[in-house]
Amino acid sequence: MRKLSPGLIRSLLLAHGAGSGPWIFEAWADAFPGICVQAIDLQAGLAVAHASMSNYAAVLYRTAELLPPPRAVCGWSMGGLVAMLAAGRAAAERLILVEPSAPAEVQGTDPAVELAEGTFDPEQEYGPFPTGVPGRSESVLARRERKRGISVPALPCPALVVYGDELAAERGRSIGARYGATEAYLPGLDHWGLVLDPRGREAAAGWLRASGE
């Protein structure tokens, strides 16, 4: 890992998952004292029915350009794959992946998945969201692109992959092995717990601190 001077990361951009929004990171800022923390809305300015993963990535790196460098990018679930796609153009010095949607290099590709536009209800597809966590319509196109397989040949900076019990193999250990990422396994946490439980953000903050020591 290329080391940074202590405290050198000045900003952190957070990317939410499918059907979620920036509110999912409401409690995260306090875990990163001295760092400008911004949770992005990946749907901002987009017609969601036509939104692709590359559109989401563009929203991320264009927002990152407005934040002070050196910067880190963190993405959860779908937002993790968006972060992987955008990290280079966002000039990220550190990348934090919280059980990210897997790229083609990990999950493989399925050319039989047909691309189509439209929106879907995430709670009908993924199950009920936790109490008090609002959902919203999500892009069919972006979801089908992920299922078909999106290639991320390499990452441009050191990365941390945070995972719990629910998706440990396909979105945790496999990601770490493929990209040489540092791994943080948080037993007892499911996919939602990784972003809602304090241990998720504490793991991310601890790794950022350690990378500057």
N, C-alpha and C. Protein backbone atom coordinates (compact mmCIF):
# COMPACT_ATOMS: atom_id res chain seq x y z
N MET A 1 0.84 -1.20 0.00
CA MET A 1 0.00 0.00 0.00
C MET A 1 0.88 1.25 0.00
N ARG A 2 0.61 2.17 -0.92
CA ARG A 2 1.34 3.43 -0.93
C ARG A 2 0.87 4.27 0.25
N LYS A 3 1.79 4.62 1.14
CA LYS A 3 1.40 5.32 2.35
C LYS A 3 1.22 6.81 2.10
N LEU A 4 0.30 7.37 2.85
CA LEU A 4 0.05 8.80 2.85
C LEU A 4 0.55 9.38 4.15
N SER A 5 0.83 10.67 4.15
CA SER A 5 1.16 11.32 5.41
C SER A 5 -0.03 11.26 6.34
N PRO A 6 0.18 11.17 7.66
CA PRO A 6 -0.95 11.09 8.59
C PRO A 6 -1.96 12.21 8.36
N GLY A 7 -3.21 11.81 8.25
CA GLY A 7 -4.27 12.79 8.10
C GLY A 7 -4.36 13.41 6.72
N LEU A 8 -3.64 12.86 5.74
CA LEU A 8 -3.57 13.51 4.44
C LEU A 8 -4.89 13.44 3.66
N ILE A 9 -5.66 12.37 3.81
CA ILE A 9 -6.96 12.30 3.14
C ILE A 9 -7.82 13.46 3.63
N ARG A 10 -8.26 14.27 2.70
CA ARG A 10 -9.01 15.47 3.07
C ARG A 10 -10.51 15.33 2.82
N SER A 11 -10.89 14.42 1.93
CA SER A 11 -12.32 14.28 1.64
C SER A 11 -12.67 12.82 1.37
N LEU A 12 -13.92 12.51 1.63
CA LEU A 12 -14.44 11.15 1.45
C LEU A 12 -15.81 11.25 0.80
N LEU A 13 -15.98 10.57 -0.34
CA LEU A 13 -17.23 10.55 -1.06
C LEU A 13 -17.88 9.18 -0.90
N LEU A 14 -19.14 9.16 -0.51
CA LEU A 14 -19.87 7.93 -0.20
C LEU A 14 -20.94 7.67 -1.24
N ALA A 15 -21.00 6.43 -1.77
CA ALA A 15 -21.95 6.08 -2.81
C ALA A 15 -22.89 4.98 -2.33
N HIS A 16 -24.18 5.22 -2.40
CA HIS A 16 -25.22 4.32 -1.88
C HIS A 16 -25.49 3.15 -2.81
N GLY A 17 -26.35 2.24 -2.36
CA GLY A 17 -26.73 1.07 -3.12
C GLY A 17 -27.99 1.27 -3.95
N ALA A 18 -28.38 0.22 -4.67
CA ALA A 18 -29.55 0.28 -5.55
C ALA A 18 -30.82 0.51 -4.74
N GLY A 19 -31.65 1.43 -5.22
CA GLY A 19 -32.91 1.73 -4.58
C GLY A 19 -32.79 2.51 -3.30
N SER A 20 -31.56 2.81 -2.91
CA SER A 20 -31.31 3.58 -1.69
C SER A 20 -30.94 5.01 -2.08
N GLY A 21 -30.33 5.73 -1.15
CA GLY A 21 -29.94 7.10 -1.43
C GLY A 21 -28.90 7.57 -0.44
N PRO A 22 -28.48 8.81 -0.52
CA PRO A 22 -27.42 9.31 0.35
C PRO A 22 -27.77 9.25 1.82
N TRP A 23 -29.07 9.19 2.14
CA TRP A 23 -29.49 9.13 3.54
C TRP A 23 -28.99 7.88 4.26
N ILE A 24 -28.62 6.85 3.53
CA ILE A 24 -28.16 5.63 4.17
C ILE A 24 -26.87 5.86 4.95
N PHE A 25 -26.14 6.93 4.61
CA PHE A 25 -24.87 7.25 5.27
C PHE A 25 -25.01 8.36 6.31
N GLU A 26 -26.21 8.59 6.77
CA GLU A 26 -26.49 9.72 7.66
C GLU A 26 -25.56 9.76 8.87
N ALA A 27 -25.20 8.61 9.42
CA ALA A 27 -24.41 8.58 10.64
C ALA A 27 -22.90 8.47 10.39
N TRP A 28 -22.47 8.49 9.16
CA TRP A 28 -21.07 8.19 8.87
C TRP A 28 -20.10 9.33 9.15
N ALA A 29 -20.51 10.56 8.98
CA ALA A 29 -19.56 11.68 9.02
C ALA A 29 -18.78 11.74 10.33
N ASP A 30 -19.43 11.45 11.45
CA ASP A 30 -18.77 11.58 12.75
C ASP A 30 -17.61 10.60 12.92
N ALA A 31 -17.58 9.54 12.11
CA ALA A 31 -16.50 8.55 12.21
C ALA A 31 -15.22 9.02 11.52
N PHE A 32 -15.28 10.15 10.83
CA PHE A 32 -14.14 10.63 10.05
C PHE A 32 -13.81 12.08 10.40
N PRO A 33 -13.39 12.33 11.65
CA PRO A 33 -13.10 13.71 12.05
C PRO A 33 -11.98 14.32 11.23
N GLY A 34 -12.15 15.57 10.85
CA GLY A 34 -11.13 16.26 10.09
C GLY A 34 -11.19 16.01 8.60
N ILE A 35 -12.14 15.19 8.16
CA ILE A 35 -12.30 14.88 6.74
C ILE A 35 -13.64 15.42 6.26
N CYS A 36 -13.64 16.03 5.09
CA CYS A 36 -14.88 16.48 4.47
C CYS A 36 -15.61 15.25 3.91
N VAL A 37 -16.75 14.91 4.48
CA VAL A 37 -17.50 13.72 4.09
C VAL A 37 -18.76 14.14 3.34
N GLN A 38 -18.94 13.59 2.15
CA GLN A 38 -20.14 13.89 1.37
C GLN A 38 -20.74 12.59 0.84
N ALA A 39 -22.03 12.42 1.08
CA ALA A 39 -22.77 11.29 0.53
C ALA A 39 -23.45 11.74 -0.76
N ILE A 40 -23.14 11.06 -1.84
CA ILE A 40 -23.63 11.46 -3.16
C ILE A 40 -25.00 10.84 -3.44
N ASP A 41 -25.79 11.53 -4.26
CA ASP A 41 -27.02 10.96 -4.79
C ASP A 41 -26.72 10.55 -6.23
N LEU A 42 -26.56 9.26 -6.47
CA LEU A 42 -26.19 8.78 -7.80
C LEU A 42 -27.26 9.07 -8.85
N GLN A 43 -28.49 9.30 -8.42
CA GLN A 43 -29.57 9.58 -9.37
C GLN A 43 -29.69 11.06 -9.70
N ALA A 44 -28.90 11.89 -9.07
CA ALA A 44 -29.03 13.34 -9.24
C ALA A 44 -28.87 13.74 -10.71
N GLY A 45 -29.87 14.43 -11.24
CA GLY A 45 -29.80 14.94 -12.60
C GLY A 45 -30.07 13.91 -13.68
N LEU A 46 -30.39 12.67 -13.29
CA LEU A 46 -30.60 11.61 -14.28
C LEU A 46 -32.07 11.27 -14.41
N ALA A 47 -32.45 10.82 -15.60
CA ALA A 47 -33.75 10.18 -15.80
C ALA A 47 -33.55 8.71 -15.44
N VAL A 48 -34.02 8.31 -14.28
CA VAL A 48 -33.67 7.00 -13.73
C VAL A 48 -34.05 5.86 -14.67
N ALA A 49 -35.13 5.99 -15.40
CA ALA A 49 -35.56 4.93 -16.30
C ALA A 49 -34.55 4.66 -17.42
N HIS A 50 -33.65 5.60 -17.64
CA HIS A 50 -32.66 5.45 -18.71
C HIS A 50 -31.23 5.39 -18.16
N ALA A 51 -31.09 5.38 -16.85
CA ALA A 51 -29.76 5.49 -16.24
C ALA A 51 -28.97 4.18 -16.36
N SER A 52 -27.71 4.32 -16.76
CA SER A 52 -26.80 3.18 -16.86
C SER A 52 -25.76 3.25 -15.75
N MET A 53 -25.00 2.20 -15.60
CA MET A 53 -23.93 2.23 -14.61
C MET A 53 -22.87 3.27 -14.96
N SER A 54 -22.63 3.48 -16.25
CA SER A 54 -21.67 4.52 -16.63
C SER A 54 -22.20 5.91 -16.29
N ASN A 55 -23.52 6.09 -16.35
CA ASN A 55 -24.11 7.37 -15.92
C ASN A 55 -23.87 7.58 -14.43
N TYR A 56 -24.11 6.54 -13.64
CA TYR A 56 -23.87 6.65 -12.20
C TYR A 56 -22.40 6.95 -11.92
N ALA A 57 -21.50 6.28 -12.64
CA ALA A 57 -20.07 6.53 -12.44
C ALA A 57 -19.72 7.98 -12.77
N ALA A 58 -20.35 8.53 -13.82
CA ALA A 58 -20.07 9.92 -14.19
C ALA A 58 -20.53 10.88 -13.11
N VAL A 59 -21.70 10.61 -12.52
CA VAL A 59 -22.17 11.45 -11.41
C VAL A 59 -21.14 11.43 -10.28
N LEU A 60 -20.58 10.25 -10.01
CA LEU A 60 -19.62 10.14 -8.91
C LEU A 60 -18.34 10.92 -9.20
N TYR A 61 -17.72 10.68 -10.35
CA TYR A 61 -16.42 11.34 -10.54
C TYR A 61 -16.56 12.84 -10.78
N ARG A 62 -17.69 13.27 -11.30
CA ARG A 62 -17.88 14.72 -11.46
C ARG A 62 -18.09 15.40 -10.11
N THR A 63 -18.73 14.69 -9.20
CA THR A 63 -18.87 15.22 -7.84
C THR A 63 -17.53 15.21 -7.12
N ALA A 64 -16.77 14.13 -7.31
CA ALA A 64 -15.47 14.02 -6.64
C ALA A 64 -14.54 15.17 -7.02
N GLU A 65 -14.63 15.62 -8.25
CA GLU A 65 -13.78 16.71 -8.71
C GLU A 65 -13.98 18.00 -7.91
N LEU A 66 -15.13 18.12 -7.25
CA LEU A 66 -15.44 19.32 -6.46
C LEU A 66 -14.93 19.23 -5.03
N LEU A 67 -14.45 18.05 -4.63
CA LEU A 67 -13.99 17.84 -3.26
C LEU A 67 -12.48 17.98 -3.18
N PRO A 68 -11.98 18.42 -2.02
CA PRO A 68 -10.54 18.65 -1.92
C PRO A 68 -9.74 17.35 -1.97
N PRO A 69 -8.67 17.32 -2.74
CA PRO A 69 -7.78 16.16 -2.73
C PRO A 69 -6.75 16.30 -1.61
N PRO A 70 -6.12 15.21 -1.25
CA PRO A 70 -6.35 13.82 -1.67
C PRO A 70 -7.69 13.33 -1.13
N ARG A 71 -8.35 12.48 -1.93
CA ARG A 71 -9.69 12.04 -1.58
C ARG A 71 -9.80 10.53 -1.58
N ALA A 72 -10.77 10.05 -0.81
CA ALA A 72 -11.12 8.64 -0.79
C ALA A 72 -12.55 8.49 -1.27
N VAL A 73 -12.85 7.33 -1.84
CA VAL A 73 -14.20 7.03 -2.31
C VAL A 73 -14.64 5.72 -1.65
N CYS A 74 -15.87 5.70 -1.16
CA CYS A 74 -16.43 4.52 -0.52
C CYS A 74 -17.78 4.21 -1.15
N GLY A 75 -18.00 2.96 -1.54
CA GLY A 75 -19.27 2.57 -2.11
C GLY A 75 -19.80 1.30 -1.48
N TRP A 76 -21.11 1.27 -1.26
CA TRP A 76 -21.78 0.11 -0.68
C TRP A 76 -22.69 -0.53 -1.72
N SER A 77 -22.62 -1.85 -1.84
CA SER A 77 -23.50 -2.61 -2.73
C SER A 77 -23.32 -2.12 -4.17
N MET A 78 -24.40 -1.74 -4.86
CA MET A 78 -24.24 -1.22 -6.21
C MET A 78 -23.26 -0.06 -6.25
N GLY A 79 -23.30 0.79 -5.22
CA GLY A 79 -22.39 1.92 -5.16
C GLY A 79 -20.93 1.52 -5.09
N GLY A 80 -20.67 0.30 -4.59
CA GLY A 80 -19.30 -0.18 -4.58
C GLY A 80 -18.78 -0.42 -5.98
N LEU A 81 -19.61 -1.01 -6.85
CA LEU A 81 -19.18 -1.21 -8.23
C LEU A 81 -19.09 0.12 -8.97
N VAL A 82 -20.00 1.04 -8.68
CA VAL A 82 -19.89 2.39 -9.25
C VAL A 82 -18.55 3.01 -8.83
N ALA A 83 -18.18 2.86 -7.57
CA ALA A 83 -16.92 3.42 -7.09
C ALA A 83 -15.73 2.79 -7.80
N MET A 84 -15.79 1.49 -8.04
CA MET A 84 -14.70 0.81 -8.76
C MET A 84 -14.57 1.36 -10.18
N LEU A 85 -15.70 1.59 -10.83
CA LEU A 85 -15.69 2.12 -12.19
C LEU A 85 -15.17 3.54 -12.26
N ALA A 86 -15.46 4.33 -11.23
CA ALA A 86 -15.17 5.77 -11.27
C ALA A 86 -13.88 6.16 -10.56
N ALA A 87 -13.26 5.24 -9.83
CA ALA A 87 -12.14 5.61 -8.95
C ALA A 87 -11.00 6.30 -9.67
N GLY A 88 -10.68 5.84 -10.88
CA GLY A 88 -9.58 6.44 -11.62
C GLY A 88 -9.86 7.89 -11.99
N ARG A 89 -11.01 8.14 -12.60
CA ARG A 89 -11.35 9.50 -13.01
C ARG A 89 -11.64 10.39 -11.81
N ALA A 90 -12.01 9.78 -10.67
CA ALA A 90 -12.22 10.55 -9.45
C ALA A 90 -10.91 10.87 -8.74
N ALA A 91 -9.79 10.36 -9.28
CA ALA A 91 -8.47 10.55 -8.67
C ALA A 91 -8.46 10.12 -7.21
N ALA A 92 -9.08 8.97 -6.94
CA ALA A 92 -9.14 8.47 -5.57
C ALA A 92 -7.78 7.96 -5.13
N GLU A 93 -7.39 8.33 -3.91
CA GLU A 93 -6.16 7.82 -3.31
C GLU A 93 -6.42 6.54 -2.52
N ARG A 94 -7.66 6.37 -2.07
CA ARG A 94 -8.06 5.18 -1.33
C ARG A 94 -9.49 4.83 -1.75
N LEU A 95 -9.78 3.53 -1.78
CA LEU A 95 -11.07 3.04 -2.21
C LEU A 95 -11.60 2.05 -1.17
N ILE A 96 -12.80 2.30 -0.69
CA ILE A 96 -13.43 1.43 0.32
C ILE A 96 -14.67 0.81 -0.31
N LEU A 97 -14.71 -0.53 -0.33
CA LEU A 97 -15.78 -1.27 -0.97
C LEU A 97 -16.53 -2.05 0.09
N VAL A 98 -17.78 -1.71 0.30
CA VAL A 98 -18.59 -2.36 1.33
C VAL A 98 -19.53 -3.35 0.63
N GLU A 99 -19.17 -4.62 0.66
CA GLU A 99 -19.89 -5.67 -0.08
C GLU A 99 -20.38 -5.15 -1.42
N PRO A 100 -19.44 -4.81 -2.31
CA PRO A 100 -19.82 -4.23 -3.60
C PRO A 100 -20.46 -5.26 -4.52
N SER A 101 -21.32 -4.79 -5.41
CA SER A 101 -21.75 -5.64 -6.51
C SER A 101 -20.50 -6.10 -7.25
N ALA A 102 -20.45 -7.37 -7.58
CA ALA A 102 -19.22 -7.93 -8.13
C ALA A 102 -19.05 -7.59 -9.61
N PRO A 103 -17.84 -7.24 -10.03
CA PRO A 103 -17.57 -7.02 -11.45
C PRO A 103 -17.46 -8.34 -12.19
N ALA A 104 -17.36 -8.26 -13.51
CA ALA A 104 -17.30 -9.46 -14.33
C ALA A 104 -16.11 -10.33 -13.98
N GLU A 105 -15.01 -9.73 -13.55
CA GLU A 105 -13.82 -10.50 -13.21
C GLU A 105 -14.06 -11.45 -12.05
N VAL A 106 -15.08 -11.19 -11.26
CA VAL A 106 -15.41 -12.04 -10.11
C VAL A 106 -16.65 -12.89 -10.38
N GLN A 107 -17.72 -12.30 -10.88
CA GLN A 107 -18.97 -13.03 -11.07
C GLN A 107 -19.08 -13.71 -12.42
N GLY A 108 -18.22 -13.32 -13.38
CA GLY A 108 -18.35 -13.81 -14.73
C GLY A 108 -19.31 -12.95 -15.54
N THR A 109 -19.55 -13.36 -16.78
CA THR A 109 -20.45 -12.63 -17.66
C THR A 109 -21.58 -13.54 -18.12
N ASP A 110 -22.70 -12.92 -18.44
CA ASP A 110 -23.86 -13.65 -18.94
C ASP A 110 -24.46 -12.87 -20.11
N PRO A 111 -23.95 -13.10 -21.33
CA PRO A 111 -24.44 -12.35 -22.50
C PRO A 111 -25.92 -12.57 -22.77
N ALA A 112 -26.52 -13.60 -22.18
CA ALA A 112 -27.94 -13.87 -22.40
C ALA A 112 -28.84 -12.85 -21.72
N VAL A 113 -28.29 -12.08 -20.76
CA VAL A 113 -29.09 -11.05 -20.09
C VAL A 113 -29.32 -9.90 -21.07
N GLU A 114 -30.56 -9.67 -21.40
CA GLU A 114 -30.90 -8.62 -22.35
C GLU A 114 -31.03 -7.27 -21.63
N LEU A 115 -30.46 -6.25 -22.24
CA LEU A 115 -30.53 -4.92 -21.67
C LEU A 115 -31.87 -4.27 -22.03
N ALA A 116 -32.46 -3.59 -21.08
CA ALA A 116 -33.74 -2.92 -21.28
C ALA A 116 -33.81 -1.75 -20.32
N GLU A 117 -34.63 -0.77 -20.64
CA GLU A 117 -34.79 0.40 -19.80
C GLU A 117 -36.08 0.31 -18.99
N GLY A 118 -36.17 1.17 -18.00
CA GLY A 118 -37.35 1.20 -17.14
C GLY A 118 -36.93 1.31 -15.69
N THR A 119 -37.89 1.20 -14.80
CA THR A 119 -37.60 1.25 -13.37
C THR A 119 -38.24 0.05 -12.68
N PHE A 120 -37.75 -0.24 -11.48
CA PHE A 120 -38.33 -1.31 -10.68
C PHE A 120 -38.36 -0.90 -9.22
N ASP A 121 -39.21 -1.57 -8.46
CA ASP A 121 -39.33 -1.33 -7.02
C ASP A 121 -38.29 -2.21 -6.32
N PRO A 122 -37.29 -1.64 -5.67
CA PRO A 122 -36.23 -2.45 -5.07
C PRO A 122 -36.72 -3.39 -3.97
N GLU A 123 -37.79 -3.00 -3.26
CA GLU A 123 -38.26 -3.86 -2.19
C GLU A 123 -38.98 -5.10 -2.74
N GLN A 124 -39.52 -5.00 -3.94
CA GLN A 124 -40.09 -6.18 -4.57
C GLN A 124 -39.01 -7.13 -5.07
N GLU A 125 -37.87 -6.59 -5.47
CA GLU A 125 -36.77 -7.41 -5.99
C GLU A 125 -35.87 -7.95 -4.90
N TYR A 126 -35.57 -7.12 -3.90
CA TYR A 126 -34.56 -7.47 -2.89
C TYR A 126 -35.16 -7.82 -1.53
N GLY A 127 -36.44 -7.56 -1.35
CA GLY A 127 -37.06 -7.77 -0.05
C GLY A 127 -37.20 -6.45 0.70
N PRO A 128 -37.96 -6.44 1.80
CA PRO A 128 -38.21 -5.20 2.55
C PRO A 128 -36.93 -4.56 3.06
N PHE A 129 -36.89 -3.23 2.99
CA PHE A 129 -35.79 -2.48 3.57
C PHE A 129 -35.97 -2.43 5.09
N PRO A 130 -34.90 -2.18 5.82
CA PRO A 130 -35.03 -2.06 7.28
C PRO A 130 -36.01 -0.96 7.66
N THR A 131 -36.62 -1.11 8.80
CA THR A 131 -37.57 -0.12 9.29
C THR A 131 -36.93 1.26 9.36
N GLY A 132 -37.60 2.25 8.79
CA GLY A 132 -37.10 3.61 8.82
C GLY A 132 -36.16 3.96 7.69
N VAL A 133 -35.83 3.00 6.84
CA VAL A 133 -34.93 3.27 5.71
C VAL A 133 -35.78 3.37 4.44
N PRO A 134 -35.89 4.56 3.87
CA PRO A 134 -36.72 4.71 2.66
C PRO A 134 -36.04 4.12 1.43
N GLY A 135 -36.87 3.65 0.51
CA GLY A 135 -36.38 3.19 -0.78
C GLY A 135 -36.97 4.05 -1.88
N ARG A 136 -36.55 3.81 -3.11
CA ARG A 136 -37.08 4.53 -4.26
C ARG A 136 -36.86 3.70 -5.52
N SER A 137 -37.52 4.09 -6.59
CA SER A 137 -37.39 3.36 -7.84
C SER A 137 -35.94 3.34 -8.32
N GLU A 138 -35.57 2.24 -8.95
CA GLU A 138 -34.20 2.06 -9.41
C GLU A 138 -34.20 1.69 -10.90
N SER A 139 -33.07 1.87 -11.54
CA SER A 139 -32.92 1.64 -12.97
C SER A 139 -32.85 0.16 -13.32
N VAL A 140 -33.74 -0.28 -14.20
CA VAL A 140 -33.69 -1.64 -14.74
C VAL A 140 -32.40 -1.82 -15.56
N LEU A 141 -32.04 -0.82 -16.36
CA LEU A 141 -30.86 -0.92 -17.21
C LEU A 141 -29.60 -1.15 -16.39
N ALA A 142 -29.40 -0.36 -15.34
CA ALA A 142 -28.21 -0.51 -14.51
C ALA A 142 -28.17 -1.89 -13.86
N ARG A 143 -29.33 -2.39 -13.42
CA ARG A 143 -29.37 -3.71 -12.78
C ARG A 143 -29.02 -4.80 -13.79
N ARG A 144 -29.57 -4.71 -14.98
CA ARG A 144 -29.28 -5.74 -15.98
C ARG A 144 -27.83 -5.68 -16.45
N GLU A 145 -27.26 -4.48 -16.51
CA GLU A 145 -25.83 -4.38 -16.83
C GLU A 145 -25.00 -5.11 -15.79
N ARG A 146 -25.35 -4.97 -14.51
CA ARG A 146 -24.60 -5.66 -13.47
C ARG A 146 -24.75 -7.17 -13.59
N LYS A 147 -25.96 -7.62 -13.88
CA LYS A 147 -26.21 -9.06 -14.01
C LYS A 147 -25.50 -9.62 -15.25
N ARG A 148 -25.40 -8.82 -16.27
CA ARG A 148 -24.71 -9.26 -17.49
C ARG A 148 -23.20 -9.34 -17.27
N GLY A 149 -22.70 -8.43 -16.47
CA GLY A 149 -21.27 -8.42 -16.14
C GLY A 149 -20.58 -7.17 -16.62
N ILE A 150 -20.00 -6.41 -15.70
CA ILE A 150 -19.28 -5.17 -16.01
C ILE A 150 -17.82 -5.35 -15.62
N SER A 151 -16.94 -5.14 -16.57
CA SER A 151 -15.52 -5.40 -16.34
C SER A 151 -14.82 -4.25 -15.61
N VAL A 152 -14.06 -4.62 -14.61
CA VAL A 152 -13.15 -3.69 -13.92
C VAL A 152 -11.80 -4.41 -13.86
N PRO A 153 -10.94 -4.22 -14.86
CA PRO A 153 -9.70 -4.99 -14.94
C PRO A 153 -8.76 -4.77 -13.76
N ALA A 154 -8.70 -3.56 -13.25
CA ALA A 154 -7.79 -3.25 -12.14
C ALA A 154 -8.30 -2.03 -11.40
N LEU A 155 -7.79 -1.86 -10.18
CA LEU A 155 -8.12 -0.68 -9.38
C LEU A 155 -6.92 0.26 -9.38
N PRO A 156 -7.16 1.58 -9.36
CA PRO A 156 -6.07 2.53 -9.50
C PRO A 156 -5.38 2.89 -8.19
N CYS A 157 -5.87 2.36 -7.07
CA CYS A 157 -5.33 2.75 -5.77
C CYS A 157 -5.56 1.63 -4.77
N PRO A 158 -4.92 1.70 -3.61
CA PRO A 158 -5.18 0.69 -2.57
C PRO A 158 -6.65 0.67 -2.18
N ALA A 159 -7.13 -0.54 -1.86
CA ALA A 159 -8.55 -0.70 -1.57
C ALA A 159 -8.76 -1.56 -0.33
N LEU A 160 -9.88 -1.31 0.33
CA LEU A 160 -10.36 -2.11 1.44
C LEU A 160 -11.71 -2.68 1.05
N VAL A 161 -11.92 -3.98 1.28
CA VAL A 161 -13.24 -4.57 1.08
C VAL A 161 -13.78 -5.00 2.44
N VAL A 162 -14.95 -4.48 2.78
CA VAL A 162 -15.60 -4.76 4.06
C VAL A 162 -16.77 -5.70 3.80
N TYR A 163 -16.85 -6.79 4.54
CA TYR A 163 -17.94 -7.73 4.30
C TYR A 163 -18.36 -8.41 5.59
N GLY A 164 -19.60 -8.90 5.57
CA GLY A 164 -20.15 -9.60 6.72
C GLY A 164 -20.47 -11.04 6.38
N ASP A 165 -21.50 -11.58 7.00
CA ASP A 165 -21.81 -13.00 6.84
C ASP A 165 -22.62 -13.31 5.59
N GLU A 166 -23.42 -12.36 5.14
CA GLU A 166 -24.42 -12.65 4.11
C GLU A 166 -23.81 -12.93 2.75
N LEU A 167 -22.80 -12.14 2.35
CA LEU A 167 -22.23 -12.24 1.01
C LEU A 167 -20.71 -12.34 1.08
N ALA A 168 -20.23 -13.06 2.09
CA ALA A 168 -18.79 -13.09 2.37
C ALA A 168 -17.96 -13.61 1.20
N ALA A 169 -18.43 -14.63 0.51
CA ALA A 169 -17.63 -15.22 -0.56
C ALA A 169 -17.65 -14.36 -1.81
N GLU A 170 -18.85 -14.09 -2.33
CA GLU A 170 -18.95 -13.44 -3.64
C GLU A 170 -18.69 -11.94 -3.61
N ARG A 171 -18.89 -11.28 -2.48
CA ARG A 171 -18.67 -9.83 -2.43
C ARG A 171 -17.61 -9.44 -1.39
N GLY A 172 -16.93 -10.40 -0.87
CA GLY A 172 -15.90 -10.13 0.13
C GLY A 172 -14.58 -10.75 -0.26
N ARG A 173 -14.42 -12.01 0.08
CA ARG A 173 -13.13 -12.66 -0.14
C ARG A 173 -12.74 -12.71 -1.62
N SER A 174 -13.72 -12.92 -2.50
CA SER A 174 -13.40 -12.98 -3.92
C SER A 174 -12.92 -11.63 -4.45
N ILE A 175 -13.51 -10.55 -3.97
CA ILE A 175 -13.08 -9.21 -4.36
C ILE A 175 -11.66 -8.96 -3.84
N GLY A 176 -11.43 -9.29 -2.57
CA GLY A 176 -10.11 -9.08 -1.99
C GLY A 176 -9.04 -9.84 -2.74
N ALA A 177 -9.32 -11.10 -3.09
CA ALA A 177 -8.33 -11.93 -3.77
C ALA A 177 -8.06 -11.42 -5.18
N ARG A 178 -9.10 -11.02 -5.90
CA ARG A 178 -8.92 -10.60 -7.29
C ARG A 178 -8.15 -9.29 -7.41
N TYR A 179 -8.38 -8.37 -6.48
CA TYR A 179 -7.78 -7.03 -6.60
C TYR A 179 -6.69 -6.75 -5.57
N GLY A 180 -6.33 -7.73 -4.77
CA GLY A 180 -5.29 -7.52 -3.76
C GLY A 180 -5.71 -6.51 -2.71
N ALA A 181 -7.00 -6.46 -2.41
CA ALA A 181 -7.52 -5.49 -1.44
C ALA A 181 -7.34 -6.01 -0.01
N THR A 182 -7.17 -5.10 0.90
CA THR A 182 -7.21 -5.44 2.32
C THR A 182 -8.64 -5.86 2.66
N GLU A 183 -8.79 -6.87 3.50
CA GLU A 183 -10.11 -7.37 3.85
C GLU A 183 -10.46 -7.07 5.31
N ALA A 184 -11.71 -6.71 5.54
CA ALA A 184 -12.23 -6.51 6.89
C ALA A 184 -13.53 -7.29 7.00
N TYR A 185 -13.46 -8.43 7.68
CA TYR A 185 -14.65 -9.27 7.89
C TYR A 185 -15.28 -8.89 9.21
N LEU A 186 -16.58 -8.57 9.17
CA LEU A 186 -17.32 -8.16 10.36
C LEU A 186 -18.39 -9.20 10.66
N PRO A 187 -18.07 -10.20 11.47
CA PRO A 187 -19.03 -11.27 11.74
C PRO A 187 -20.28 -10.75 12.43
N GLY A 188 -21.39 -11.36 12.08
CA GLY A 188 -22.66 -10.99 12.70
C GLY A 188 -23.41 -9.90 11.96
N LEU A 189 -22.80 -9.31 10.93
CA LEU A 189 -23.48 -8.24 10.18
C LEU A 189 -23.95 -8.75 8.83
N ASP A 190 -25.19 -8.41 8.47
CA ASP A 190 -25.69 -8.73 7.14
C ASP A 190 -25.39 -7.56 6.21
N HIS A 191 -25.93 -7.62 4.99
CA HIS A 191 -25.62 -6.60 3.99
C HIS A 191 -26.03 -5.21 4.45
N TRP A 192 -27.19 -5.07 5.06
CA TRP A 192 -27.63 -3.78 5.57
C TRP A 192 -26.82 -3.36 6.80
N GLY A 193 -26.51 -4.32 7.64
CA GLY A 193 -25.79 -4.01 8.86
C GLY A 193 -24.44 -3.37 8.60
N LEU A 194 -23.81 -3.72 7.50
CA LEU A 194 -22.50 -3.17 7.19
C LEU A 194 -22.52 -1.66 7.03
N VAL A 195 -23.64 -1.12 6.60
CA VAL A 195 -23.73 0.32 6.40
C VAL A 195 -24.48 1.02 7.54
N LEU A 196 -25.31 0.28 8.26
CA LEU A 196 -26.10 0.87 9.34
C LEU A 196 -25.48 0.70 10.72
N ASP A 197 -24.74 -0.37 10.93
CA ASP A 197 -24.10 -0.62 12.22
C ASP A 197 -22.79 0.18 12.32
N PRO A 198 -22.47 0.73 13.48
CA PRO A 198 -21.25 1.53 13.62
C PRO A 198 -19.97 0.79 13.23
N ARG A 199 -19.98 -0.53 13.35
CA ARG A 199 -18.76 -1.27 13.03
C ARG A 199 -18.33 -1.13 11.58
N GLY A 200 -19.28 -0.93 10.68
CA GLY A 200 -18.94 -0.76 9.28
C GLY A 200 -18.12 0.49 9.04
N ARG A 201 -18.62 1.60 9.53
CA ARG A 201 -17.91 2.86 9.33
C ARG A 201 -16.63 2.93 10.15
N GLU A 202 -16.62 2.27 11.30
CA GLU A 202 -15.40 2.25 12.12
C GLU A 202 -14.29 1.47 11.43
N ALA A 203 -14.65 0.39 10.74
CA ALA A 203 -13.65 -0.37 9.99
C ALA A 203 -13.06 0.47 8.87
N ALA A 204 -13.91 1.20 8.18
CA ALA A 204 -13.44 2.06 7.10
C ALA A 204 -12.54 3.17 7.63
N ALA A 205 -12.96 3.80 8.71
CA ALA A 205 -12.17 4.90 9.29
C ALA A 205 -10.84 4.39 9.82
N GLY A 206 -10.84 3.23 10.45
CA GLY A 206 -9.60 2.68 10.99
C GLY A 206 -8.60 2.38 9.88
N TRP A 207 -9.08 1.86 8.76
CA TRP A 207 -8.19 1.56 7.65
C TRP A 207 -7.61 2.84 7.05
N LEU A 208 -8.42 3.88 6.91
CA LEU A 208 -7.89 5.14 6.38
C LEU A 208 -6.81 5.70 7.30
N ARG A 209 -7.06 5.62 8.61
CA ARG A 209 -6.04 6.11 9.55
C ARG A 209 -4.75 5.29 9.43
N ALA A 210 -4.88 3.98 9.36
CA ALA A 210 -3.71 3.11 9.30
C ALA A 210 -2.92 3.34 8.02
N SER A 211 -3.59 3.68 6.95
CA SER A 211 -2.89 3.87 5.67
C SER A 211 -2.01 5.11 5.68
N GLY A 212 -2.23 6.00 6.65
CA GLY A 212 -1.39 7.19 6.74
C GLY A 212 -0.34 7.14 7.80
N GLU A 213 -0.23 6.00 8.48
CA GLU A 213 0.75 5.89 9.58
C GLU A 213 2.12 5.46 9.05
